[in-house]
C-alpha cells in the first residue's frame, strides 16, 4: 500500500517498462543544476524516440521545465541542501 507520508522513489524500472525508457533523476535543488539536467533529459528522450518533432521538443521541454522549477522554488524553497527527484517512464 502507498504511504502518502513517504516519498515514492523508483530505483528500478517498473515491470511494464523497458530499462532504456526509464529515467530516474536526482539533482541538487538549484535552478542552475535544473537547466543542466533538463538538457540531458531532453537528449535522452530524443535518443529513445520520445521526441520526434520540434513541437514534441517544445511541449516536453515546457512540461519538464515547469515541473523542475516548481520543485526547486516551491517544493524545496531553493534550499541547495535538498534534492529534487523525478522519474519518467
PDB file of N, CA and C in Angstrom:
ATOM      1  N   UNK A   1       0.840  -1.192   0.000  1.00  0.00           N
ATOM      2  CA  UNK A   1       0.000   0.000   0.000  1.00  0.00           C
ATOM      3  C   UNK A   1       0.882   1.250   0.000  1.00  0.00           C
ATOM      4  N   UNK A   2       0.478   2.268  -0.719  1.00  0.00           N
ATOM      5  CA  UNK A   2       1.221   3.513  -0.817  1.00  0.00           C
ATOM      6  C   UNK A   2       1.010   4.352   0.430  1.00  0.00           C
ATOM      7  N   UNK A   3       2.107   4.778   1.042  1.00  0.00           N
ATOM      8  CA  UNK A   3       2.060   5.637   2.224  1.00  0.00           C
ATOM      9  C   UNK A   3       2.268   7.075   1.765  1.00  0.00           C
ATOM     10  N   UNK A   4       1.264   7.926   1.910  1.00  0.00           N
ATOM     11  CA  UNK A   4       1.328   9.307   1.434  1.00  0.00           C
ATOM     12  C   UNK A   4       2.430  10.104   2.107  1.00  0.00           C
ATOM     13  N   UNK A   5       2.867   9.686   3.297  1.00  0.00           N
ATOM     14  CA  UNK A   5       3.904  10.415   4.019  1.00  0.00           C
ATOM     15  C   UNK A   5       5.312  10.019   3.600  1.00  0.00           C
ATOM     16  N   UNK A   6       5.432   8.972   2.821  1.00  0.00           N
ATOM     17  CA  UNK A   6       6.739   8.507   2.374  1.00  0.00           C
ATOM     18  C   UNK A   6       6.902   8.788   0.885  1.00  0.00           C
ATOM     19  N   UNK A   7       8.086   9.257   0.488  1.00  0.00           N
ATOM     20  CA  UNK A   7       8.293   9.505  -0.946  1.00  0.00           C
ATOM     21  C   UNK A   7       8.318   8.206  -1.727  1.00  0.00           C
ATOM     22  N   UNK A   8       7.800   8.267  -2.932  1.00  0.00           N
ATOM     23  CA  UNK A   8       7.833   7.116  -3.828  1.00  0.00           C
ATOM     24  C   UNK A   8       9.008   7.316  -4.771  1.00  0.00           C
ATOM     25  N   UNK A   9      10.071   6.546  -4.564  1.00  0.00           N
ATOM     26  CA  UNK A   9      11.264   6.651  -5.386  1.00  0.00           C
ATOM     27  C   UNK A   9      11.519   5.297  -6.020  1.00  0.00           C
ATOM     28  N   UNK A  10      11.558   5.283  -7.329  1.00  0.00           N
ATOM     29  CA  UNK A  10      11.792   4.051  -8.067  1.00  0.00           C
ATOM     30  C   UNK A  10      13.236   4.019  -8.520  1.00  0.00           C
ATOM     31  N   UNK A  11      14.009   3.064  -8.036  1.00  0.00           N
ATOM     32  CA  UNK A  11      15.389   2.939  -8.475  1.00  0.00           C
ATOM     33  C   UNK A  11      15.501   1.984  -9.648  1.00  0.00           C
ATOM     34  N   UNK A  12      14.517   1.141  -9.823  1.00  0.00           N
ATOM     35  CA  UNK A  12      14.479   0.208 -10.934  1.00  0.00           C
ATOM     36  C   UNK A  12      13.201   0.459 -11.727  1.00  0.00           C
ATOM     37  N   UNK A  13      13.242   0.190 -13.020  1.00  0.00           N
ATOM     38  CA  UNK A  13      12.024   0.404 -13.807  1.00  0.00           C
ATOM     39  C   UNK A  13      10.902  -0.524 -13.343  1.00  0.00           C
ATOM     40  N   UNK A  14       9.670  -0.053 -13.433  1.00  0.00           N
ATOM     41  CA  UNK A  14       8.545  -0.933 -13.144  1.00  0.00           C
ATOM     42  C   UNK A  14       8.526  -2.091 -14.146  1.00  0.00           C
ATOM     43  N   UNK A  15       7.881  -3.202 -13.805  1.00  0.00           N
ATOM     44  CA  UNK A  15       7.912  -4.389 -14.672  1.00  0.00           C
ATOM     45  C   UNK A  15       7.453  -4.138 -16.101  1.00  0.00           C
ATOM     46  N   UNK A  16       6.504  -3.231 -16.301  1.00  0.00           N
ATOM     47  CA  UNK A  16       5.959  -2.989 -17.639  1.00  0.00           C
ATOM     48  C   UNK A  16       6.821  -2.026 -18.463  1.00  0.00           C
ATOM     49  N   UNK A  17       7.952  -1.607 -17.932  1.00  0.00           N
ATOM     50  CA  UNK A  17       8.780  -0.597 -18.577  1.00  0.00           C
ATOM     51  C   UNK A  17      10.133  -1.174 -18.961  1.00  0.00           C
ATOM     52  N   UNK A  18      10.571  -0.867 -20.187  1.00  0.00           N
ATOM     53  CA  UNK A  18      11.911  -1.297 -20.569  1.00  0.00           C
ATOM     54  C   UNK A  18      12.928  -0.387 -19.899  1.00  0.00           C
ATOM     55  N   UNK A  19      14.071  -0.935 -19.571  1.00  0.00           N
ATOM     56  CA  UNK A  19      15.094  -0.169 -18.869  1.00  0.00           C
ATOM     57  C   UNK A  19      15.574   1.031 -19.689  1.00  0.00           C
ATOM     58  N   UNK A  20      15.552   0.911 -21.012  1.00  0.00           N
ATOM     59  CA  UNK A  20      16.039   2.002 -21.852  1.00  0.00           C
ATOM     60  C   UNK A  20      15.110   3.217 -21.843  1.00  0.00           C
ATOM     61  N   UNK A  21      13.853   3.046 -21.451  1.00  0.00           N
ATOM     62  CA  UNK A  21      12.929   4.177 -21.430  1.00  0.00           C
ATOM     63  C   UNK A  21      12.602   4.629 -20.002  1.00  0.00           C
ATOM     64  N   UNK A  22      13.433   4.240 -19.062  1.00  0.00           N
ATOM     65  CA  UNK A  22      13.253   4.605 -17.656  1.00  0.00           C
ATOM     66  C   UNK A  22      14.303   5.648 -17.287  1.00  0.00           C
ATOM     67  N   UNK A  23      13.859   6.794 -16.794  1.00  0.00           N
ATOM     68  CA  UNK A  23      14.783   7.850 -16.387  1.00  0.00           C
ATOM     69  C   UNK A  23      14.463   8.221 -14.950  1.00  0.00           C
ATOM     70  N   UNK A  24      15.433   8.046 -14.068  1.00  0.00           N
ATOM     71  CA  UNK A  24      15.291   8.421 -12.667  1.00  0.00           C
ATOM     72  C   UNK A  24      16.402   9.429 -12.378  1.00  0.00           C
ATOM     73  N   UNK A  25      16.028  10.656 -12.077  1.00  0.00           N
ATOM     74  CA  UNK A  25      16.984  11.746 -11.923  1.00  0.00           C
ATOM     75  C   UNK A  25      16.910  12.312 -10.514  1.00  0.00           C
ATOM     76  N   UNK A  26      18.081  12.579  -9.964  1.00  0.00           N
ATOM     77  CA  UNK A  26      18.194  13.299  -8.691  1.00  0.00           C
ATOM     78  C   UNK A  26      19.191  14.419  -8.928  1.00  0.00           C
ATOM     79  N   UNK A  27      18.863  15.633  -8.470  1.00  0.00           N
ATOM     80  CA  UNK A  27      19.815  16.735  -8.617  1.00  0.00           C
ATOM     81  C   UNK A  27      19.634  17.740  -7.489  1.00  0.00           C
ATOM     82  N   UNK A  28      20.720  18.472  -7.151  1.00  0.00           N
ATOM     83  CA  UNK A  28      20.636  19.493  -6.102  1.00  0.00           C
ATOM     84  C   UNK A  28      19.590  20.540  -6.472  1.00  0.00           C
ATOM     85  N   UNK A  29      18.911  21.040  -5.485  1.00  0.00           N
ATOM     86  CA  UNK A  29      17.784  21.943  -5.698  1.00  0.00           C
ATOM     87  C   UNK A  29      18.247  23.361  -6.033  1.00  0.00           C
ATOM     88  N   UNK A  30      18.823  23.517  -7.239  1.00  0.00           N
ATOM     89  CA  UNK A  30      19.209  24.850  -7.734  1.00  0.00           C
ATOM     90  C   UNK A  30      18.714  24.986  -9.175  1.00  0.00           C
ATOM     91  N   UNK A  31      18.392  26.204  -9.560  1.00  0.00           N
ATOM     92  CA  UNK A  31      17.928  26.442 -10.927  1.00  0.00           C
ATOM     93  C   UNK A  31      19.052  26.214 -11.927  1.00  0.00           C
ATOM     94  N   UNK A  32      20.289  26.479 -11.530  1.00  0.00           N
ATOM     95  CA  UNK A  32      21.426  26.225 -12.424  1.00  0.00           C
ATOM     96  C   UNK A  32      21.534  24.738 -12.740  1.00  0.00           C
ATOM     97  N   UNK A  33      21.452  23.900 -11.729  1.00  0.00           N
ATOM     98  CA  UNK A  33      21.516  22.446 -11.941  1.00  0.00           C
ATOM     99  C   UNK A  33      20.314  21.973 -12.742  1.00  0.00           C
ATOM    100  N   UNK A  34      19.153  22.575 -12.494  1.00  0.00           N
ATOM    101  CA  UNK A  34      17.932  22.211 -13.223  1.00  0.00           C
ATOM    102  C   UNK A  34      18.143  22.355 -14.713  1.00  0.00           C
ATOM    103  N   UNK A  35      18.763  23.441 -15.134  1.00  0.00           N
ATOM    104  CA  UNK A  35      18.986  23.686 -16.560  1.00  0.00           C
ATOM    105  C   UNK A  35      19.895  22.625 -17.165  1.00  0.00           C
ATOM    106  N   UNK A  36      20.943  22.272 -16.448  1.00  0.00           N
ATOM    107  CA  UNK A  36      21.874  21.245 -16.916  1.00  0.00           C
ATOM    108  C   UNK A  36      21.172  19.890 -17.049  1.00  0.00           C
ATOM    109  N   UNK A  37      20.404  19.533 -16.038  1.00  0.00           N
ATOM    110  CA  UNK A  37      19.691  18.255 -16.033  1.00  0.00           C
ATOM    111  C   UNK A  37      18.632  18.226 -17.122  1.00  0.00           C
ATOM    112  N   UNK A  38      17.914  19.316 -17.312  1.00  0.00           N
ATOM    113  CA  UNK A  38      16.857  19.374 -18.324  1.00  0.00           C
ATOM    114  C   UNK A  38      17.419  19.052 -19.710  1.00  0.00           C
ATOM    115  N   UNK A  39      18.556  19.613 -20.048  1.00  0.00           N
ATOM    116  CA  UNK A  39      19.150  19.350 -21.357  1.00  0.00           C
ATOM    117  C   UNK A  39      19.535  17.881 -21.518  1.00  0.00           C
ATOM    118  N   UNK A  40      20.062  17.278 -20.462  1.00  0.00           N
ATOM    119  CA  UNK A  40      20.435  15.859 -20.514  1.00  0.00           C
ATOM    120  C   UNK A  40      19.202  14.965 -20.667  1.00  0.00           C
ATOM    121  N   UNK A  41      18.143  15.305 -19.963  1.00  0.00           N
ATOM    122  CA  UNK A  41      16.910  14.513 -20.052  1.00  0.00           C
ATOM    123  C   UNK A  41      16.302  14.633 -21.447  1.00  0.00           C
ATOM    124  N   UNK A  42      16.272  15.834 -21.995  1.00  0.00           N
ATOM    125  CA  UNK A  42      15.727  16.014 -23.342  1.00  0.00           C
ATOM    126  C   UNK A  42      16.537  15.227 -24.365  1.00  0.00           C
ATOM    127  N   UNK A  43      17.848  15.200 -24.223  1.00  0.00           N
ATOM    128  CA  UNK A  43      18.699  14.421 -25.128  1.00  0.00           C
ATOM    129  C   UNK A  43      18.371  12.935 -25.013  1.00  0.00           C
ATOM    130  N   UNK A  44      18.207  12.448 -23.794  1.00  0.00           N
ATOM    131  CA  UNK A  44      17.864  11.031 -23.574  1.00  0.00           C
ATOM    132  C   UNK A  44      16.507  10.717 -24.209  1.00  0.00           C
ATOM    133  N   UNK A  45      15.532  11.603 -24.043  1.00  0.00           N
ATOM    134  CA  UNK A  45      14.208  11.383 -24.627  1.00  0.00           C
ATOM    135  C   UNK A  45      14.263  11.380 -26.151  1.00  0.00           C
ATOM    136  N   UNK A  46      15.121  12.203 -26.712  1.00  0.00           N
ATOM    137  CA  UNK A  46      15.318  12.161 -28.176  1.00  0.00           C
ATOM    138  C   UNK A  46      15.943  10.838 -28.590  1.00  0.00           C
ATOM    139  N   UNK A  47      16.946  10.403 -27.835  1.00  0.00           N
ATOM    140  CA  UNK A  47      17.661   9.160 -28.156  1.00  0.00           C
ATOM    141  C   UNK A  47      16.744   7.935 -28.128  1.00  0.00           C
ATOM    142  N   UNK A  48      15.774   7.933 -27.213  1.00  0.00           N
ATOM    143  CA  UNK A  48      14.887   6.762 -27.121  1.00  0.00           C
ATOM    144  C   UNK A  48      13.625   6.917 -27.969  1.00  0.00           C
ATOM    145  N   UNK A  49      13.538   8.032 -28.711  1.00  0.00           N
ATOM    146  CA  UNK A  49      12.449   8.190 -29.665  1.00  0.00           C
ATOM    147  C   UNK A  49      11.180   8.826 -29.139  1.00  0.00           C
ATOM    148  N   UNK A  50      11.215   9.400 -27.954  1.00  0.00           N
ATOM    149  CA  UNK A  50      10.016  10.046 -27.418  1.00  0.00           C
ATOM    150  C   UNK A  50       9.829  11.436 -27.992  1.00  0.00           C
ATOM    151  N   UNK A  51      10.910  12.040 -28.487  1.00  0.00           N
ATOM    152  CA  UNK A  51      10.835  13.358 -29.119  1.00  0.00           C
ATOM    153  C   UNK A  51      11.172  13.163 -30.590  1.00  0.00           C
ATOM    154  N   UNK A  52      10.170  13.405 -31.433  1.00  0.00           N
ATOM    155  CA  UNK A  52      10.356  13.178 -32.869  1.00  0.00           C
ATOM    156  C   UNK A  52      10.301  14.468 -33.678  1.00  0.00           C
ATOM    157  N   UNK A  53       9.638  15.478 -33.154  1.00  0.00           N
ATOM    158  CA  UNK A  53       9.468  16.727 -33.893  1.00  0.00           C
ATOM    159  C   UNK A  53       9.843  17.910 -33.012  1.00  0.00           C
ATOM    160  N   UNK A  54       9.978  19.061 -33.655  1.00  0.00           N
ATOM    161  CA  UNK A  54      10.257  20.294 -32.902  1.00  0.00           C
ATOM    162  C   UNK A  54       9.102  20.599 -31.946  1.00  0.00           C
ATOM    163  N   UNK A  55       7.869  20.310 -32.367  1.00  0.00           N
ATOM    164  CA  UNK A  55       6.703  20.524 -31.498  1.00  0.00           C
ATOM    165  C   UNK A  55       6.780  19.626 -30.264  1.00  0.00           C
ATOM    166  N   UNK A  56       7.180  18.363 -30.458  1.00  0.00           N
ATOM    167  CA  UNK A  56       7.367  17.453 -29.314  1.00  0.00           C
ATOM    168  C   UNK A  56       8.376  18.052 -28.340  1.00  0.00           C
ATOM    169  N   UNK A  57       9.498  18.508 -28.883  1.00  0.00           N
ATOM    170  CA  UNK A  57      10.562  19.064 -28.051  1.00  0.00           C
ATOM    171  C   UNK A  57      10.066  20.259 -27.247  1.00  0.00           C
ATOM    172  N   UNK A  58       9.379  21.168 -27.892  1.00  0.00           N
ATOM    173  CA  UNK A  58       8.882  22.358 -27.201  1.00  0.00           C
ATOM    174  C   UNK A  58       7.883  22.007 -26.104  1.00  0.00           C
ATOM    175  N   UNK A  59       6.968  21.102 -26.396  1.00  0.00           N
ATOM    176  CA  UNK A  59       5.954  20.730 -25.414  1.00  0.00           C
ATOM    177  C   UNK A  59       6.562  19.989 -24.225  1.00  0.00           C
ATOM    178  N   UNK A  60       7.437  19.039 -24.514  1.00  0.00           N
ATOM    179  CA  UNK A  60       8.055  18.263 -23.432  1.00  0.00           C
ATOM    180  C   UNK A  60       8.977  19.151 -22.611  1.00  0.00           C
ATOM    181  N   UNK A  61       9.728  20.031 -23.282  1.00  0.00           N
ATOM    182  CA  UNK A  61      10.594  20.966 -22.553  1.00  0.00           C
ATOM    183  C   UNK A  61       9.770  21.822 -21.583  1.00  0.00           C
ATOM    184  N   UNK A  62       8.646  22.341 -22.056  1.00  0.00           N
ATOM    185  CA  UNK A  62       7.796  23.188 -21.219  1.00  0.00           C
ATOM    186  C   UNK A  62       7.319  22.433 -19.976  1.00  0.00           C
ATOM    187  N   UNK A  63       6.831  21.228 -20.176  1.00  0.00           N
ATOM    188  CA  UNK A  63       6.300  20.438 -19.052  1.00  0.00           C
ATOM    189  C   UNK A  63       7.408  20.108 -18.042  1.00  0.00           C
ATOM    190  N   UNK A  64       8.542  19.618 -18.534  1.00  0.00           N
ATOM    191  CA  UNK A  64       9.638  19.254 -17.633  1.00  0.00           C
ATOM    192  C   UNK A  64      10.207  20.472 -16.929  1.00  0.00           C
ATOM    193  N   UNK A  65      10.409  21.563 -17.669  1.00  0.00           N
ATOM    194  CA  UNK A  65      10.957  22.770 -17.057  1.00  0.00           C
ATOM    195  C   UNK A  65      10.037  23.288 -15.957  1.00  0.00           C
ATOM    196  N   UNK A  66       8.764  23.344 -16.235  1.00  0.00           N
ATOM    197  CA  UNK A  66       7.800  23.840 -15.238  1.00  0.00           C
ATOM    198  C   UNK A  66       7.810  22.957 -13.987  1.00  0.00           C
ATOM    199  N   UNK A  67       7.830  21.646 -14.190  1.00  0.00           N
ATOM    200  CA  UNK A  67       7.858  20.736 -13.040  1.00  0.00           C
ATOM    201  C   UNK A  67       9.121  20.881 -12.217  1.00  0.00           C
ATOM    202  N   UNK A  68      10.256  20.998 -12.898  1.00  0.00           N
ATOM    203  CA  UNK A  68      11.531  21.137 -12.188  1.00  0.00           C
ATOM    204  C   UNK A  68      11.625  22.473 -11.450  1.00  0.00           C
ATOM    205  N   UNK A  69      11.216  23.552 -12.104  1.00  0.00           N
ATOM    206  CA  UNK A  69      11.239  24.865 -11.454  1.00  0.00           C
ATOM    207  C   UNK A  69      10.326  24.864 -10.232  1.00  0.00           C
ATOM    208  N   UNK A  70       9.137  24.286 -10.366  1.00  0.00           N
ATOM    209  CA  UNK A  70       8.227  24.213  -9.221  1.00  0.00           C
ATOM    210  C   UNK A  70       8.834  23.421  -8.066  1.00  0.00           C
ATOM    211  N   UNK A  71       9.525  22.323  -8.385  1.00  0.00           N
ATOM    212  CA  UNK A  71      10.155  21.515  -7.340  1.00  0.00           C
ATOM    213  C   UNK A  71      11.237  22.313  -6.622  1.00  0.00           C
ATOM    214  N   UNK A  72      12.066  23.016  -7.388  1.00  0.00           N
ATOM    215  CA  UNK A  72      13.161  23.796  -6.798  1.00  0.00           C
ATOM    216  C   UNK A  72      12.621  24.979  -6.004  1.00  0.00           C
ATOM    217  N   UNK A  73      11.761  25.780  -6.622  1.00  0.00           N
ATOM    218  CA  UNK A  73      11.296  27.026  -5.988  1.00  0.00           C
ATOM    219  C   UNK A  73      10.257  26.805  -4.899  1.00  0.00           C
ATOM    220  N   UNK A  74       9.231  26.045  -5.214  1.00  0.00           N
ATOM    221  CA  UNK A  74       8.096  25.930  -4.299  1.00  0.00           C
ATOM    222  C   UNK A  74       8.215  24.729  -3.366  1.00  0.00           C
ATOM    223  N   UNK A  75       8.672  23.613  -3.909  1.00  0.00           N
ATOM    224  CA  UNK A  75       8.808  22.417  -3.073  1.00  0.00           C
ATOM    225  C   UNK A  75       9.964  22.511  -2.107  1.00  0.00           C
ATOM    226  N   UNK A  76      11.130  22.924  -2.616  1.00  0.00           N
ATOM    227  CA  UNK A  76      12.346  22.946  -1.796  1.00  0.00           C
ATOM    228  C   UNK A  76      12.798  24.347  -1.408  1.00  0.00           C
ATOM    229  N   UNK A  77      12.039  25.346  -1.775  1.00  0.00           N
ATOM    230  CA  UNK A  77      12.337  26.744  -1.413  1.00  0.00           C
ATOM    231  C   UNK A  77      13.767  27.137  -1.772  1.00  0.00           C
ATOM    232  N   UNK A  78      14.272  26.595  -2.893  1.00  0.00           N
ATOM    233  CA  UNK A  78      15.624  26.860  -3.387  1.00  0.00           C
ATOM    234  C   UNK A  78      16.701  26.557  -2.343  1.00  0.00           C
ATOM    235  N   UNK A  79      16.433  25.575  -1.512  1.00  0.00           N
ATOM    236  CA  UNK A  79      17.388  25.115  -0.492  1.00  0.00           C
ATOM    237  C   UNK A  79      18.356  24.139  -1.148  1.00  0.00           C
ATOM    238  N   UNK A  80      19.598  24.571  -1.344  1.00  0.00           N
ATOM    239  CA  UNK A  80      20.599  23.769  -2.048  1.00  0.00           C
ATOM    240  C   UNK A  80      20.950  22.475  -1.334  1.00  0.00           C
ATOM    241  N   UNK A  81      20.610  22.380  -0.049  1.00  0.00           N
ATOM    242  CA  UNK A  81      20.903  21.137   0.675  1.00  0.00           C
ATOM    243  C   UNK A  81      19.873  20.052   0.371  1.00  0.00           C
ATOM    244  N   UNK A  82      18.776  20.433  -0.297  1.00  0.00           N
ATOM    245  CA  UNK A  82      17.732  19.474  -0.663  1.00  0.00           C
ATOM    246  C   UNK A  82      17.964  18.949  -2.074  1.00  0.00           C
ATOM    247  N   UNK A  83      17.295  17.847  -2.381  1.00  0.00           N
ATOM    248  CA  UNK A  83      17.440  17.192  -3.668  1.00  0.00           C
ATOM    249  C   UNK A  83      16.092  17.109  -4.365  1.00  0.00           C
ATOM    250  N   UNK A  84      16.097  17.349  -5.663  1.00  0.00           N
ATOM    251  CA  UNK A  84      14.911  17.146  -6.498  1.00  0.00           C
ATOM    252  C   UNK A  84      15.023  15.747  -7.096  1.00  0.00           C
ATOM    253  N   UNK A  85      13.938  14.996  -7.038  1.00  0.00           N
ATOM    254  CA  UNK A  85      13.906  13.643  -7.596  1.00  0.00           C
ATOM    255  C   UNK A  85      12.700  13.550  -8.522  1.00  0.00           C
ATOM    256  N   UNK A  86      12.929  13.057  -9.745  1.00  0.00           N
ATOM    257  CA  UNK A  86      11.785  12.778 -10.613  1.00  0.00           C
ATOM    258  C   UNK A  86      12.079  11.568 -11.483  1.00  0.00           C
ATOM    259  N   UNK A  87      11.005  10.916 -11.849  1.00  0.00           N
ATOM    260  CA  UNK A  87      11.102   9.689 -12.624  1.00  0.00           C
ATOM    261  C   UNK A  87      10.185   9.791 -13.826  1.00  0.00           C
ATOM    262  N   UNK A  88      10.712   9.354 -14.968  1.00  0.00           N
ATOM    263  CA  UNK A  88       9.929   9.305 -16.206  1.00  0.00           C
ATOM    264  C   UNK A  88      10.002   7.891 -16.743  1.00  0.00           C
ATOM    265  N   UNK A  89       8.843   7.337 -17.147  1.00  0.00           N
ATOM    266  CA  UNK A  89       8.859   6.059 -17.852  1.00  0.00           C
ATOM    267  C   UNK A  89       7.674   5.954 -18.751  1.00  0.00           C
TER     268      UNK A  89
END
